[in-house]
Amino acid sequence: MKYEFKGIVRGTFSQYQTFGCVENPVVVLSSNDLHEMLDGLALDEFVFVLKTNGRRIKDPVRYINRLGLNFRNYTREGANEYEQTSVA
């Protein structure tokens, strides 16, 4: 399957709105592996759209969980837990 993630970090557009955009505030990722694509992102920090084979997923959280992945692993809270367990 072909996955596409398109998102903007909350609050960045308004920050760049009055100035010229030095960096594109929209993040676009695509991959054949959903875990590989989402790994390292804090999805709770994004306003995003997730597409599979060109079709938009209405409820990305439910879709990710249905595939057997834990949505919490792709959030800020999950990243903090991972850092605490790998450091200890």
Protein backbone atom coordinates (compact mmCIF):
# COMPACT_ATOMS: atom_id res chain seq x y z
CA MET A 1 0.00 0.00 0.00
CA LYS A 2 1.08 3.55 -0.65
CA TYR A 3 0.70 5.89 2.34
CA GLU A 4 0.83 9.67 2.27
CA PHE A 5 1.02 11.99 5.26
CA LYS A 6 0.44 15.71 4.81
CA GLY A 7 0.43 17.90 7.88
CA ILE A 8 1.29 21.19 9.45
CA VAL A 9 2.61 21.63 12.97
CA ARG A 10 0.06 23.44 15.09
CA GLY A 11 0.76 27.16 15.23
CA THR A 12 3.45 27.30 12.54
CA PHE A 13 1.30 28.70 9.75
CA SER A 14 0.30 31.76 11.76
CA GLN A 15 3.96 32.28 12.67
CA TYR A 16 5.00 32.29 8.99
CA GLN A 17 1.91 34.08 7.69
CA THR A 18 3.21 37.64 8.08
CA PHE A 19 6.75 36.84 6.96
CA GLY A 20 8.17 35.16 3.90
CA CYS A 21 8.31 31.41 4.41
CA VAL A 22 11.94 30.39 4.72
CA GLU A 23 10.96 26.78 5.25
CA ASN A 24 7.79 25.17 4.00
CA PRO A 25 5.49 24.79 7.03
CA VAL A 26 3.68 21.84 5.41
CA VAL A 27 5.27 18.42 5.92
CA VAL A 28 4.62 15.84 3.19
CA LEU A 29 5.79 12.25 3.62
CA SER A 30 5.08 9.13 1.61
CA SER A 31 6.05 5.51 2.08
CA ASN A 32 4.96 1.92 1.55
CA ASP A 33 5.33 1.23 5.28
CA LEU A 34 3.06 3.18 7.64
CA HIS A 35 5.16 2.55 10.75
CA GLU A 36 8.34 3.66 9.01
CA MET A 37 6.65 6.85 7.81
CA LEU A 38 5.11 7.80 11.18
CA ASP A 39 8.02 6.74 13.38
CA GLY A 40 9.54 9.77 15.08
CA LEU A 41 6.56 12.07 14.49
CA ALA A 42 4.50 13.49 17.32
CA LEU A 43 1.10 13.28 15.60
CA ASP A 44 -0.66 15.12 18.41
CA GLU A 45 1.41 18.19 17.42
CA PHE A 46 0.11 18.09 13.82
CA VAL A 47 -3.06 18.96 11.97
CA PHE A 48 -2.79 16.28 9.28
CA VAL A 49 -4.38 14.18 6.58
CA LEU A 50 -3.50 10.53 6.08
CA LYS A 51 -4.10 8.88 2.72
CA THR A 52 -3.88 5.27 1.63
CA ASN A 53 -3.57 4.57 -2.10
CA GLY A 54 -4.77 8.12 -2.76
CA ARG A 55 -7.90 7.85 -0.58
CA ARG A 56 -8.24 9.95 2.57
CA ILE A 57 -8.63 8.11 5.87
CA LYS A 58 -11.51 9.65 7.84
CA ASP A 59 -10.33 8.53 11.29
CA PRO A 60 -6.53 8.07 11.24
CA VAL A 61 -6.34 7.08 14.92
CA ARG A 62 -8.78 4.22 14.45
CA TYR A 63 -7.13 3.17 11.19
CA ILE A 64 -3.66 3.04 12.76
CA ASN A 65 -4.98 0.98 15.69
CA ARG A 66 -6.87 -1.34 13.33
CA LEU A 67 -3.61 -2.14 11.54
CA GLY A 68 -2.19 -3.38 14.84
CA LEU A 69 -0.04 -0.31 15.48
CA ASN A 70 -0.41 1.64 18.70
CA PHE A 71 -1.28 5.27 17.94
CA ARG A 72 0.16 6.30 21.29
CA ASN A 73 3.63 5.35 20.00
CA TYR A 74 3.39 8.21 17.51
CA THR A 75 2.52 10.91 20.06
CA ARG A 76 4.59 13.17 22.26
CA GLU A 77 3.67 11.08 25.32
CA GLY A 78 4.79 7.85 23.64
CA ALA A 79 8.10 9.43 22.58
CA ASN A 80 8.76 10.57 26.15
CA GLU A 81 8.09 7.06 27.48
CA TYR A 82 10.45 5.56 24.89
CA GLU A 83 13.23 7.96 25.90
CA GLN A 84 12.77 7.14 29.59
CA THR A 85 12.94 3.37 29.02
CA SER A 86 15.92 3.50 26.66
CA VAL A 87 17.95 5.76 28.95
CA ALA A 88 17.32 3.77 32.14
